[in-house]
Amino acid sequence: MIYRAINGLIRHAIEADLITNDDIFVVRNQLMDILKLTGMIKNHSREIFKNFLNP
């Protein structure tokens, strides 16, 4: 699904040090705007955070 692909792209960008955890919301919103998507499903958004925001 498209939301999973967006999360994967963001995850890759974090792992490659292209963005920081602080950039997740901005990058996600910009990608959604470019792709004309209206909203992320909560479960898909949490997928990123459980891997990167928890110590």
PDB file of N, CA and C in Angstrom:
ATOM      1  N   MET A   1       0.846  -1.176   0.000  1.00  0.00           N
ATOM      2  CA  MET A   1       0.000   0.000   0.000  1.00  0.00           C
ATOM      3  C   MET A   1       0.894   1.242   0.000  1.00  0.00           C
ATOM      4  N   ILE A   2       0.380   2.339  -0.457  1.00  0.00           N
ATOM      5  CA  ILE A   2       1.162   3.569  -0.596  1.00  0.00           C
ATOM      6  C   ILE A   2       1.680   4.073   0.743  1.00  0.00           C
ATOM      7  N   TYR A   3       0.892   3.919   1.800  1.00  0.00           N
ATOM      8  CA  TYR A   3       1.312   4.409   3.111  1.00  0.00           C
ATOM      9  C   TYR A   3       2.507   3.618   3.636  1.00  0.00           C
ATOM     10  N   ARG A   4       2.524   2.345   3.365  1.00  0.00           N
ATOM     11  CA  ARG A   4       3.657   1.508   3.772  1.00  0.00           C
ATOM     12  C   ARG A   4       4.918   1.924   3.002  1.00  0.00           C
ATOM     13  N   ALA A   5       4.763   2.263   1.739  1.00  0.00           N
ATOM     14  CA  ALA A   5       5.898   2.711   0.932  1.00  0.00           C
ATOM     15  C   ALA A   5       6.449   4.045   1.444  1.00  0.00           C
ATOM     16  N   ILE A   6       5.567   4.951   1.839  1.00  0.00           N
ATOM     17  CA  ILE A   6       5.998   6.228   2.397  1.00  0.00           C
ATOM     18  C   ILE A   6       6.766   5.998   3.691  1.00  0.00           C
ATOM     19  N   ASN A   7       6.244   5.144   4.556  1.00  0.00           N
ATOM     20  CA  ASN A   7       6.933   4.838   5.805  1.00  0.00           C
ATOM     21  C   ASN A   7       8.290   4.198   5.548  1.00  0.00           C
ATOM     22  N   GLY A   8       8.361   3.320   4.561  1.00  0.00           N
ATOM     23  CA  GLY A   8       9.635   2.695   4.203  1.00  0.00           C
ATOM     24  C   GLY A   8      10.642   3.712   3.696  1.00  0.00           C
ATOM     25  N   LEU A   9      10.177   4.648   2.908  1.00  0.00           N
ATOM     26  CA  LEU A   9      11.041   5.705   2.394  1.00  0.00           C
ATOM     27  C   LEU A   9      11.571   6.580   3.528  1.00  0.00           C
ATOM     28  N   ILE A  10      10.696   6.924   4.452  1.00  0.00           N
ATOM     29  CA  ILE A  10      11.105   7.728   5.603  1.00  0.00           C
ATOM     30  C   ILE A  10      12.081   6.944   6.476  1.00  0.00           C
ATOM     31  N   ARG A  11      11.807   5.680   6.689  1.00  0.00           N
ATOM     32  CA  ARG A  11      12.702   4.830   7.482  1.00  0.00           C
ATOM     33  C   ARG A  11      14.090   4.774   6.838  1.00  0.00           C
ATOM     34  N   HIS A  12      14.127   4.600   5.531  1.00  0.00           N
ATOM     35  CA  HIS A  12      15.404   4.567   4.809  1.00  0.00           C
ATOM     36  C   HIS A  12      16.146   5.899   4.948  1.00  0.00           C
ATOM     37  N   ALA A  13      15.418   7.000   4.843  1.00  0.00           N
ATOM     38  CA  ALA A  13      16.043   8.320   4.960  1.00  0.00           C
ATOM     39  C   ALA A  13      16.643   8.519   6.351  1.00  0.00           C
ATOM     40  N   ILE A  14      15.987   8.013   7.375  1.00  0.00           N
ATOM     41  CA  ILE A  14      16.526   8.115   8.733  1.00  0.00           C
ATOM     42  C   ILE A  14      17.768   7.250   8.871  1.00  0.00           C
ATOM     43  N   GLU A  15      17.691   6.016   8.386  1.00  0.00           N
ATOM     44  CA  GLU A  15      18.835   5.100   8.487  1.00  0.00           C
ATOM     45  C   GLU A  15      20.047   5.624   7.712  1.00  0.00           C
ATOM     46  N   ALA A  16      19.808   6.330   6.617  1.00  0.00           N
ATOM     47  CA  ALA A  16      20.892   6.877   5.796  1.00  0.00           C
ATOM     48  C   ALA A  16      21.332   8.262   6.278  1.00  0.00           C
ATOM     49  N   ASP A  17      20.790   8.690   7.422  1.00  0.00           N
ATOM     50  CA  ASP A  17      21.102  10.009   7.994  1.00  0.00           C
ATOM     51  C   ASP A  17      20.784  11.158   7.042  1.00  0.00           C
ATOM     52  N   LEU A  18      19.757  10.987   6.242  1.00  0.00           N
ATOM     53  CA  LEU A  18      19.318  12.065   5.354  1.00  0.00           C
ATOM     54  C   LEU A  18      18.347  13.003   6.071  1.00  0.00           C
ATOM     55  N   ILE A  19      17.601  12.447   7.042  1.00  0.00           N
ATOM     56  CA  ILE A  19      16.701  13.238   7.879  1.00  0.00           C
ATOM     57  C   ILE A  19      16.855  12.757   9.313  1.00  0.00           C
ATOM     58  N   THR A  20      16.317  13.535  10.252  1.00  0.00           N
ATOM     59  CA  THR A  20      16.338  13.146  11.662  1.00  0.00           C
ATOM     60  C   THR A  20      14.922  12.767  12.091  1.00  0.00           C
ATOM     61  N   ASN A  21      14.804  12.243  13.299  1.00  0.00           N
ATOM     62  CA  ASN A  21      13.483  11.899  13.832  1.00  0.00           C
ATOM     63  C   ASN A  21      12.579  13.128  13.896  1.00  0.00           C
ATOM     64  N   ASP A  22      13.174  14.285  14.089  1.00  0.00           N
ATOM     65  CA  ASP A  22      12.383  15.523  14.136  1.00  0.00           C
ATOM     66  C   ASP A  22      11.753  15.863  12.788  1.00  0.00           C
ATOM     67  N   ASP A  23      12.289  15.308  11.721  1.00  0.00           N
ATOM     68  CA  ASP A  23      11.800  15.605  10.371  1.00  0.00           C
ATOM     69  C   ASP A  23      10.669  14.696   9.904  1.00  0.00           C
ATOM     70  N   ILE A  24      10.368  13.651  10.652  1.00  0.00           N
ATOM     71  CA  ILE A  24       9.400  12.642  10.200  1.00  0.00           C
ATOM     72  C   ILE A  24       8.071  13.267   9.789  1.00  0.00           C
ATOM     73  N   PHE A  25       7.483  14.093  10.656  1.00  0.00           N
ATOM     74  CA  PHE A  25       6.169  14.671  10.363  1.00  0.00           C
ATOM     75  C   PHE A  25       6.213  15.587   9.144  1.00  0.00           C
ATOM     76  N   VAL A  26       7.235  16.400   9.058  1.00  0.00           N
ATOM     77  CA  VAL A  26       7.347  17.341   7.940  1.00  0.00           C
ATOM     78  C   VAL A  26       7.496  16.588   6.617  1.00  0.00           C
ATOM     79  N   VAL A  27       8.402  15.621   6.596  1.00  0.00           N
ATOM     80  CA  VAL A  27       8.647  14.853   5.375  1.00  0.00           C
ATOM     81  C   VAL A  27       7.397  14.073   4.975  1.00  0.00           C
ATOM     82  N   ARG A  28       6.768  13.426   5.950  1.00  0.00           N
ATOM     83  CA  ARG A  28       5.550  12.661   5.660  1.00  0.00           C
ATOM     84  C   ARG A  28       4.473  13.565   5.085  1.00  0.00           C
ATOM     85  N   ASN A  29       4.271  14.726   5.692  1.00  0.00           N
ATOM     86  CA  ASN A  29       3.246  15.642   5.202  1.00  0.00           C
ATOM     87  C   ASN A  29       3.569  16.189   3.820  1.00  0.00           C
ATOM     88  N   GLN A  30       4.827  16.452   3.558  1.00  0.00           N
ATOM     89  CA  GLN A  30       5.216  16.935   2.234  1.00  0.00           C
ATOM     90  C   GLN A  30       4.990  15.857   1.172  1.00  0.00           C
ATOM     91  N   LEU A  31       5.354  14.620   1.487  1.00  0.00           N
ATOM     92  CA  LEU A  31       5.124  13.529   0.537  1.00  0.00           C
ATOM     93  C   LEU A  31       3.627  13.328   0.286  1.00  0.00           C
ATOM     94  N   MET A  32       2.834  13.413   1.339  1.00  0.00           N
ATOM     95  CA  MET A  32       1.390  13.251   1.176  1.00  0.00           C
ATOM     96  C   MET A  32       0.810  14.364   0.322  1.00  0.00           C
ATOM     97  N   ASP A  33       1.327  15.575   0.491  1.00  0.00           N
ATOM     98  CA  ASP A  33       0.855  16.700  -0.311  1.00  0.00           C
ATOM     99  C   ASP A  33       1.215  16.506  -1.777  1.00  0.00           C
ATOM    100  N   ILE A  34       2.450  16.105  -2.034  1.00  0.00           N
ATOM    101  CA  ILE A  34       2.896  15.869  -3.405  1.00  0.00           C
ATOM    102  C   ILE A  34       2.059  14.783  -4.077  1.00  0.00           C
ATOM    103  N   LEU A  35       1.741  13.732  -3.310  1.00  0.00           N
ATOM    104  CA  LEU A  35       0.992  12.596  -3.853  1.00  0.00           C
ATOM    105  C   LEU A  35      -0.524  12.777  -3.765  1.00  0.00           C
ATOM    106  N   LYS A  36      -0.939  13.927  -3.228  1.00  0.00           N
ATOM    107  CA  LYS A  36      -2.372  14.253  -3.095  1.00  0.00           C
ATOM    108  C   LYS A  36      -3.114  13.217  -2.246  1.00  0.00           C
ATOM    109  N   LEU A  37      -2.491  12.790  -1.136  1.00  0.00           N
ATOM    110  CA  LEU A  37      -3.122  11.868  -0.203  1.00  0.00           C
ATOM    111  C   LEU A  37      -3.751  12.678   0.921  1.00  0.00           C
ATOM    112  N   THR A  38      -4.852  12.174   1.461  1.00  0.00           N
ATOM    113  CA  THR A  38      -5.584  12.952   2.456  1.00  0.00           C
ATOM    114  C   THR A  38      -5.247  12.599   3.896  1.00  0.00           C
ATOM    115  N   GLY A  39      -4.764  11.397   4.172  1.00  0.00           N
ATOM    116  CA  GLY A  39      -4.472  11.057   5.556  1.00  0.00           C
ATOM    117  C   GLY A  39      -3.755   9.731   5.675  1.00  0.00           C
ATOM    118  N   MET A  40      -2.993   9.619   6.753  1.00  0.00           N
ATOM    119  CA  MET A  40      -2.290   8.369   7.022  1.00  0.00           C
ATOM    120  C   MET A  40      -3.127   7.545   7.994  1.00  0.00           C
ATOM    121  N   ILE A  41      -3.070   6.257   7.849  1.00  0.00           N
ATOM    122  CA  ILE A  41      -3.715   5.361   8.789  1.00  0.00           C
ATOM    123  C   ILE A  41      -2.834   5.285  10.025  1.00  0.00           C
ATOM    124  N   LYS A  42      -3.433   5.370  11.214  1.00  0.00           N
ATOM    125  CA  LYS A  42      -2.667   5.432  12.454  1.00  0.00           C
ATOM    126  C   LYS A  42      -1.676   4.289  12.598  1.00  0.00           C
ATOM    127  N   ASN A  43      -2.066   3.094  12.263  1.00  0.00           N
ATOM    128  CA  ASN A  43      -1.169   1.947  12.429  1.00  0.00           C
ATOM    129  C   ASN A  43       0.093   2.092  11.597  1.00  0.00           C
ATOM    130  N   HIS A  44      -0.023   2.639  10.405  1.00  0.00           N
ATOM    131  CA  HIS A  44       1.148   2.811   9.556  1.00  0.00           C
ATOM    132  C   HIS A  44       2.065   3.897  10.095  1.00  0.00           C
ATOM    133  N   SER A  45       1.497   4.949  10.660  1.00  0.00           N
ATOM    134  CA  SER A  45       2.318   6.012  11.236  1.00  0.00           C
ATOM    135  C   SER A  45       3.074   5.509  12.453  1.00  0.00           C
ATOM    136  N   ARG A  46       2.437   4.684  13.256  1.00  0.00           N
ATOM    137  CA  ARG A  46       3.082   4.141  14.449  1.00  0.00           C
ATOM    138  C   ARG A  46       4.221   3.204  14.104  1.00  0.00           C
ATOM    139  N   GLU A  47       4.163   2.600  12.930  1.00  0.00           N
ATOM    140  CA  GLU A  47       5.210   1.670  12.493  1.00  0.00           C
ATOM    141  C   GLU A  47       6.577   2.356  12.490  1.00  0.00           C
ATOM    142  N   ILE A  48       6.645   3.588  12.070  1.00  0.00           N
ATOM    143  CA  ILE A  48       7.907   4.327  12.057  1.00  0.00           C
ATOM    144  C   ILE A  48       8.364   4.602  13.482  1.00  0.00           C
ATOM    145  N   PHE A  49       7.445   5.101  14.293  1.00  0.00           N
ATOM    146  CA  PHE A  49       7.812   5.581  15.617  1.00  0.00           C
ATOM    147  C   PHE A  49       8.284   4.468  16.542  1.00  0.00           C
ATOM    148  N   LYS A  50       7.696   3.293  16.450  1.00  0.00           N
ATOM    149  CA  LYS A  50       8.114   2.240  17.366  1.00  0.00           C
ATOM    150  C   LYS A  50       9.555   1.795  17.104  1.00  0.00           C
ATOM    151  N   ASN A  51      10.051   2.003  15.890  1.00  0.00           N
ATOM    152  CA  ASN A  51      11.424   1.626  15.561  1.00  0.00           C
ATOM    153  C   ASN A  51      12.430   2.739  15.811  1.00  0.00           C
ATOM    154  N   PHE A  52      12.036   3.996  15.741  1.00  0.00           N
ATOM    155  CA  PHE A  52      13.010   5.074  15.771  1.00  0.00           C
ATOM    156  C   PHE A  52      12.892   6.026  16.956  1.00  0.00           C
ATOM    157  N   LEU A  53      11.722   6.148  17.535  1.00  0.00           N
ATOM    158  CA  LEU A  53      11.567   7.113  18.609  1.00  0.00           C
ATOM    159  C   LEU A  53      11.717   6.490  19.983  1.00  0.00           C
ATOM    160  N   ASN A  54      11.595   5.184  20.088  1.00  0.00           N
ATOM    161  CA  ASN A  54      11.765   4.513  21.377  1.00  0.00           C
ATOM    162  C   ASN A  54      13.227   4.159  21.585  1.00  0.00           C
ATOM    163  N   PRO A  55      13.758   4.524  22.752  1.00  0.00           N
ATOM    164  CA  PRO A  55      15.175   4.222  23.015  1.00  0.00           C
ATOM    165  C   PRO A  55      15.439   2.731  23.149  1.00  0.00           C
TER     166      PRO A  55
END
